[in-house]
Amino acid sequence: MDLLTIVPLTELVHYFNKRNRLDYGGAADDLFEIVDRRVRLRLGKMVLGSRYQPVLEQVSCRILGHEALLHPLGGNLQGLPPQAVFLEARDDGELIRLDRAVRTLHALNFLLEQDQHDGFLSLNVHPQLIRAVRDQHGHVFESVLSRCGLTPERIVLELSDDGLEHPGQLKAAIAAYRERGYRVAIDNFGRHSCDVDRLAALMPDIVKLDRGFALRGPSGSVGKLSRQLRERGIKVVGHGIDTAEHLDLMVEAGVDWLQGHLIARPAANCRPVPRPQRKRAAA
């Protein structure tokens, strides 16, 4: 990694730390730090980093992009899932800032991968954010991305399927994200609901099938669901694939994309995404 990459990263980290202090009236500690040429997020005694898990096209096995995941590096998250960090938020305002800080962390580390990586970056959005943010979804984060040299077109925002308890708010949020150029994925579909028509009304670009539904659902149900979604122009992802049995089921169901520990484990660095080769003109 050359100096031209490190200097802008240092400036970016300084900028985001300064903006965080301004948000808190100048009394906040720095959120971000650079250690061993990677960006870390420090929240009190908790230290968090980024890991990236590849998403592959099912037919060609070509890497299309990566999902960013939180990785505890220190503090009091021992034995807890990384998402437990959001329990530290005392109100909606803190949760919004924390959620954006996590996505900023992933975008900053993703910036270090740009030389070899031309795919998408998939980022999780906390479910409570849909209720807490009334309008202008994605507007603030778009400015974060632009600082990192990214555009919404490179980003997939993952929204958890919590049973679609508030479809009106969720539909408005998805529409706002898509209008700004983001792609939207509904995560864990099938965990609470398999209502395809209701899902189609939300108009996501991608649906990630719940692992439990896929493995324990009625015979043939995954393939039928996959076909129904693909007929509506929705990309279908089999994720959480940790066993050969699950992989065979997803391939048989005809899903578009694959993700899971059996495919590739999360790592600090992204896997290279091959650039499409131009066809040679006939001589």
Protein backbone atom coordinates (compact mmCIF):
# COMPACT_ATOMS: atom_id res chain seq x y z
CA MET A 1 0.00 0.00 0.00
CA ASP A 2 1.58 3.30 -1.05
CA LEU A 3 1.69 6.67 0.69
CA LEU A 4 -0.89 8.12 -1.71
CA THR A 5 -3.47 5.71 -0.25
CA ILE A 6 -2.56 6.30 3.41
CA VAL A 7 -2.55 10.11 3.32
CA PRO A 8 -6.13 10.52 2.05
CA LEU A 9 -7.26 7.88 4.55
CA THR A 10 -5.64 9.81 7.39
CA GLU A 11 -7.37 12.97 6.22
CA LEU A 12 -10.72 11.18 5.99
CA VAL A 13 -10.41 9.77 9.50
CA HIS A 14 -9.53 13.26 10.79
CA TYR A 15 -12.55 14.71 8.97
CA PHE A 16 -15.05 12.18 10.37
CA ASN A 17 -13.65 12.53 13.88
CA LYS A 18 -13.94 16.31 13.66
CA ARG A 19 -17.51 16.08 12.41
CA ASN A 20 -18.41 13.75 15.28
CA ARG A 21 -17.01 16.26 17.80
CA LEU A 22 -19.11 19.00 16.22
CA ASP A 23 -22.22 16.82 16.49
CA TYR A 24 -21.56 16.44 20.22
CA GLY A 25 -20.64 20.07 20.82
CA GLY A 26 -16.90 19.43 20.78
CA ALA A 27 -16.89 17.11 23.80
CA ALA A 28 -16.68 13.72 22.06
CA ASP A 29 -13.66 11.43 21.83
CA ASP A 30 -12.38 10.35 18.44
CA LEU A 31 -14.47 7.57 16.93
CA PHE A 32 -11.99 6.36 14.33
CA GLU A 33 -8.32 5.45 14.48
CA ILE A 34 -5.83 3.86 12.12
CA VAL A 35 -3.95 0.83 13.43
CA ASP A 36 -1.78 -1.36 11.18
CA ARG A 37 -3.17 0.45 8.15
CA ARG A 38 -6.77 -0.45 8.97
CA VAL A 39 -9.49 1.75 10.41
CA ARG A 40 -10.99 0.89 13.79
CA LEU A 41 -14.10 2.23 15.50
CA ARG A 42 -13.65 2.94 19.22
CA LEU A 43 -16.78 3.20 21.39
CA GLY A 44 -15.76 3.59 25.02
CA LYS A 45 -13.98 0.33 25.86
CA MET A 46 -15.20 -1.41 22.71
CA VAL A 47 -13.00 -1.57 19.62
CA LEU A 48 -14.50 -2.73 16.33
CA GLY A 49 -13.12 -3.49 12.90
CA SER A 50 -14.44 -4.65 9.53
CA ARG A 51 -14.62 -8.06 7.93
CA TYR A 52 -15.84 -8.73 4.39
CA GLN A 53 -17.60 -11.85 3.13
CA PRO A 54 -17.78 -12.50 -0.63
CA VAL A 55 -21.05 -12.92 -2.52
CA LEU A 56 -20.75 -15.22 -5.54
CA GLU A 57 -22.81 -15.64 -8.66
CA GLN A 58 -24.26 -19.13 -8.47
CA VAL A 59 -23.75 -20.18 -12.10
CA SER A 60 -20.26 -18.79 -12.76
CA CYS A 61 -18.97 -18.74 -9.14
CA ARG A 62 -17.65 -15.24 -9.93
CA ILE A 63 -17.32 -12.86 -6.97
CA LEU A 64 -19.73 -9.97 -7.41
CA GLY A 65 -19.21 -8.05 -4.17
CA HIS A 66 -18.85 -8.32 -0.41
CA GLU A 67 -21.00 -7.90 2.69
CA ALA A 68 -19.33 -5.89 5.47
CA LEU A 69 -19.56 -7.35 8.97
CA LEU A 70 -18.53 -5.98 12.36
CA HIS A 71 -15.55 -7.65 14.00
CA PRO A 72 -14.86 -7.13 17.76
CA LEU A 73 -11.19 -6.33 18.40
CA GLY A 74 -11.43 -5.57 22.10
CA GLY A 75 -13.72 -4.52 24.91
CA ASN A 76 -16.75 -6.08 26.53
CA LEU A 77 -18.33 -7.95 23.60
CA GLN A 78 -16.81 -11.32 24.52
CA GLY A 79 -19.36 -14.08 23.86
CA LEU A 80 -21.87 -11.65 22.32
CA PRO A 81 -22.69 -11.06 18.66
CA PRO A 82 -21.13 -7.84 17.30
CA GLN A 83 -24.65 -6.40 16.82
CA ALA A 84 -24.88 -6.17 20.61
CA VAL A 85 -22.99 -2.89 20.29
CA PHE A 86 -26.29 -1.25 19.32
CA LEU A 87 -27.68 -2.00 22.78
CA GLU A 88 -25.40 0.80 24.00
CA ALA A 89 -27.57 3.40 22.24
CA ARG A 90 -29.72 5.19 24.82
CA ASP A 91 -32.14 6.78 22.36
CA ASP A 92 -32.97 7.03 18.65
CA GLY A 93 -30.46 9.83 18.10
CA GLU A 94 -27.58 7.76 19.47
CA LEU A 95 -28.68 4.71 17.48
CA ILE A 96 -28.74 6.72 14.25
CA ARG A 97 -25.25 8.09 14.86
CA LEU A 98 -23.94 4.64 15.85
CA ASP A 99 -25.45 2.94 12.81
CA ARG A 100 -23.91 5.53 10.48
CA ALA A 101 -20.57 5.27 12.29
CA VAL A 102 -20.51 1.50 11.68
CA ARG A 103 -21.30 1.94 8.00
CA THR A 104 -18.66 4.69 7.76
CA LEU A 105 -16.11 2.30 9.31
CA HIS A 106 -16.85 -0.28 6.64
CA ALA A 107 -16.72 2.30 3.83
CA LEU A 108 -13.33 3.59 5.03
CA ASN A 109 -11.82 0.10 5.14
CA PHE A 110 -13.42 -0.73 1.79
CA LEU A 111 -11.62 2.31 0.37
CA LEU A 112 -8.35 0.45 0.97
CA GLU A 113 -9.54 -2.33 -1.34
CA GLN A 114 -10.32 -0.15 -4.35
CA ASP A 115 -7.22 -1.04 -6.37
CA GLN A 116 -8.24 -4.69 -6.70
CA HIS A 117 -11.96 -4.51 -6.07
CA ASP A 118 -14.64 -3.42 -8.51
CA GLY A 119 -17.72 -5.03 -6.95
CA PHE A 120 -20.49 -3.87 -4.65
CA LEU A 121 -20.36 -3.25 -0.90
CA SER A 122 -23.31 -4.60 1.08
CA LEU A 123 -24.06 -2.81 4.37
CA ASN A 124 -26.59 -3.65 7.06
CA VAL A 125 -29.04 -1.00 8.25
CA HIS A 126 -30.34 -1.34 11.81
CA PRO A 127 -34.11 -2.11 11.73
CA GLN A 128 -34.88 0.64 14.24
CA LEU A 129 -33.41 3.20 11.86
CA ILE A 130 -36.43 2.81 9.58
CA ARG A 131 -38.69 3.95 12.41
CA ALA A 132 -36.36 6.62 13.79
CA VAL A 133 -35.61 8.39 10.50
CA ARG A 134 -38.75 9.99 9.09
CA ASP A 135 -37.55 11.05 5.64
CA GLN A 136 -34.48 11.74 3.49
CA HIS A 137 -33.31 8.14 3.89
CA GLY A 138 -29.73 7.73 2.64
CA HIS A 139 -29.11 11.48 2.26
CA VAL A 140 -26.54 11.88 5.06
CA PHE A 141 -24.80 8.60 4.25
CA GLU A 142 -24.50 9.64 0.61
CA SER A 143 -22.20 12.48 1.73
CA VAL A 144 -20.13 9.94 3.70
CA LEU A 145 -19.79 7.77 0.61
CA SER A 146 -18.79 10.68 -1.61
CA ARG A 147 -15.94 11.51 0.80
CA CYS A 148 -14.78 7.90 0.39
CA GLY A 149 -14.98 8.04 -3.39
CA LEU A 150 -18.03 5.77 -3.50
CA THR A 151 -21.43 6.28 -5.07
CA PRO A 152 -24.80 4.81 -3.99
CA GLU A 153 -24.70 2.63 -7.11
CA ARG A 154 -21.84 0.64 -5.53
CA ILE A 155 -23.83 0.04 -2.33
CA VAL A 156 -26.40 -2.58 -1.33
CA LEU A 157 -28.31 -1.67 1.84
CA GLU A 158 -29.62 -4.70 3.75
CA LEU A 159 -32.84 -4.27 5.74
CA SER A 160 -33.80 -7.05 8.11
CA ASP A 161 -37.07 -8.90 7.60
CA ASP A 162 -38.63 -8.59 11.05
CA GLY A 163 -42.02 -9.70 9.83
CA LEU A 164 -42.55 -6.41 7.95
CA GLU A 165 -44.34 -5.01 10.98
CA HIS A 166 -44.49 -1.50 9.51
CA PRO A 167 -44.76 -2.02 5.74
CA GLY A 168 -45.69 1.62 5.09
CA GLN A 169 -42.52 2.99 6.68
CA LEU A 170 -40.40 0.24 5.18
CA LYS A 171 -41.81 0.82 1.71
CA ALA A 172 -41.15 4.56 1.94
CA ALA A 173 -37.57 3.97 3.11
CA ILE A 174 -36.86 1.48 0.32
CA ALA A 175 -38.30 3.85 -2.29
CA ALA A 176 -36.14 6.71 -0.96
CA TYR A 177 -32.98 4.59 -0.99
CA ARG A 178 -33.62 3.34 -4.51
CA GLU A 179 -34.37 6.85 -5.77
CA ARG A 180 -30.88 7.87 -4.62
CA GLY A 181 -29.32 4.95 -6.52
CA TYR A 182 -28.81 2.41 -3.72
CA ARG A 183 -29.82 -1.19 -4.23
CA VAL A 184 -31.88 -2.63 -1.39
CA ALA A 185 -31.89 -6.19 -0.04
CA ILE A 186 -34.44 -7.70 2.34
CA ASP A 187 -32.51 -9.92 4.74
CA ASN A 188 -33.68 -13.19 6.34
CA PHE A 189 -36.82 -13.47 4.25
CA GLY A 190 -38.87 -16.46 5.35
CA ARG A 191 -38.01 -16.19 9.03
CA HIS A 192 -41.31 -14.49 9.89
CA SER A 193 -43.24 -14.23 6.63
CA CYS A 194 -43.26 -15.75 3.14
CA ASP A 195 -45.83 -13.35 1.70
CA VAL A 196 -44.37 -12.84 -1.79
CA ASP A 197 -47.03 -10.35 -2.92
CA ARG A 198 -46.46 -8.18 0.14
CA LEU A 199 -42.73 -8.37 -0.43
CA ALA A 200 -43.10 -7.48 -4.12
CA ALA A 201 -45.03 -4.34 -3.10
CA LEU A 202 -41.91 -3.18 -1.23
CA MET A 203 -39.91 -3.45 -4.47
CA PRO A 204 -36.49 -4.54 -3.13
CA ASP A 205 -33.78 -5.40 -5.62
CA ILE A 206 -32.52 -8.44 -3.71
CA VAL A 207 -33.92 -10.98 -1.23
CA LYS A 208 -31.71 -13.06 1.07
CA LEU A 209 -33.45 -16.28 2.07
CA ASP A 210 -33.49 -17.19 5.75
CA ARG A 211 -31.26 -20.18 6.49
CA GLY A 212 -33.75 -21.78 8.90
CA PHE A 213 -36.61 -21.58 6.42
CA ALA A 214 -34.44 -23.04 3.66
CA LEU A 215 -33.33 -26.05 5.71
CA ARG A 216 -36.54 -26.77 7.62
CA GLY A 217 -39.25 -25.63 5.21
CA PRO A 218 -41.54 -27.99 3.27
CA SER A 219 -39.95 -29.94 0.46
CA GLY A 220 -39.82 -27.90 -2.74
CA SER A 221 -40.84 -24.67 -1.01
CA VAL A 222 -37.46 -22.98 -1.47
CA GLY A 223 -37.40 -23.62 -5.20
CA LYS A 224 -40.98 -22.38 -5.58
CA LEU A 225 -40.23 -19.23 -3.57
CA SER A 226 -37.07 -18.59 -5.56
CA ARG A 227 -38.96 -18.86 -8.86
CA GLN A 228 -41.71 -16.51 -7.66
CA LEU A 229 -39.20 -13.88 -6.61
CA ARG A 230 -37.12 -14.14 -9.77
CA GLU A 231 -40.28 -13.82 -11.90
CA ARG A 232 -40.75 -10.42 -10.23
CA GLY A 233 -37.23 -9.34 -11.21
CA ILE A 234 -35.80 -9.81 -7.70
CA LYS A 235 -32.33 -11.33 -7.26
CA VAL A 236 -32.37 -14.24 -4.79
CA VAL A 237 -29.47 -14.98 -2.44
CA GLY A 238 -28.87 -18.20 -0.55
CA HIS A 239 -26.85 -17.03 2.44
CA GLY A 240 -25.60 -18.57 5.65
CA ILE A 241 -24.40 -21.53 3.60
CA ASP A 242 -22.22 -23.54 5.99
CA THR A 243 -22.85 -27.13 4.83
CA ALA A 244 -22.77 -29.05 1.57
CA GLU A 245 -26.43 -29.97 2.14
CA HIS A 246 -27.44 -26.30 2.27
CA LEU A 247 -25.35 -25.50 -0.82
CA ASP A 248 -26.95 -28.33 -2.81
CA LEU A 249 -30.40 -27.10 -1.78
CA MET A 250 -29.67 -23.54 -2.92
CA VAL A 251 -28.22 -24.66 -6.25
CA GLU A 252 -31.21 -26.93 -6.86
CA ALA A 253 -33.55 -24.05 -5.97
CA GLY A 254 -31.91 -21.93 -8.65
CA VAL A 255 -30.90 -18.95 -6.51
CA ASP A 256 -28.89 -16.23 -8.21
CA TRP A 257 -26.16 -15.62 -5.62
CA LEU A 258 -24.42 -17.60 -2.87
CA GLN A 259 -22.89 -16.52 0.46
CA GLY A 260 -21.69 -18.36 3.55
CA HIS A 261 -18.77 -19.86 5.44
CA LEU A 262 -18.66 -22.87 3.10
CA ILE A 263 -18.27 -20.46 0.17
CA ALA A 264 -15.79 -18.10 1.87
CA ARG A 265 -15.31 -16.92 5.44
CA PRO A 266 -15.30 -13.21 6.36
CA ALA A 267 -11.81 -11.71 6.18
CA ALA A 268 -10.11 -8.37 6.73
CA ASN A 269 -9.46 -8.01 3.00
CA CYS A 270 -11.85 -8.33 0.11
CA ARG A 271 -11.32 -11.01 -2.50
CA PRO A 272 -10.42 -9.61 -5.93
CA VAL A 273 -13.42 -9.11 -8.18
CA PRO A 274 -12.52 -9.90 -11.80
CA ARG A 275 -13.33 -7.17 -14.26
CA PRO A 276 -15.38 -8.25 -17.30
CA GLN A 277 -13.13 -8.88 -20.27
CA ARG A 278 -13.86 -7.12 -23.54
CA LYS A 279 -14.66 -9.38 -26.44
CA ARG A 280 -12.07 -9.21 -29.16
CA ALA A 281 -13.27 -7.83 -32.44
CA ALA A 282 -13.19 -10.26 -35.33
CA ALA A 283 -10.06 -9.95 -37.44
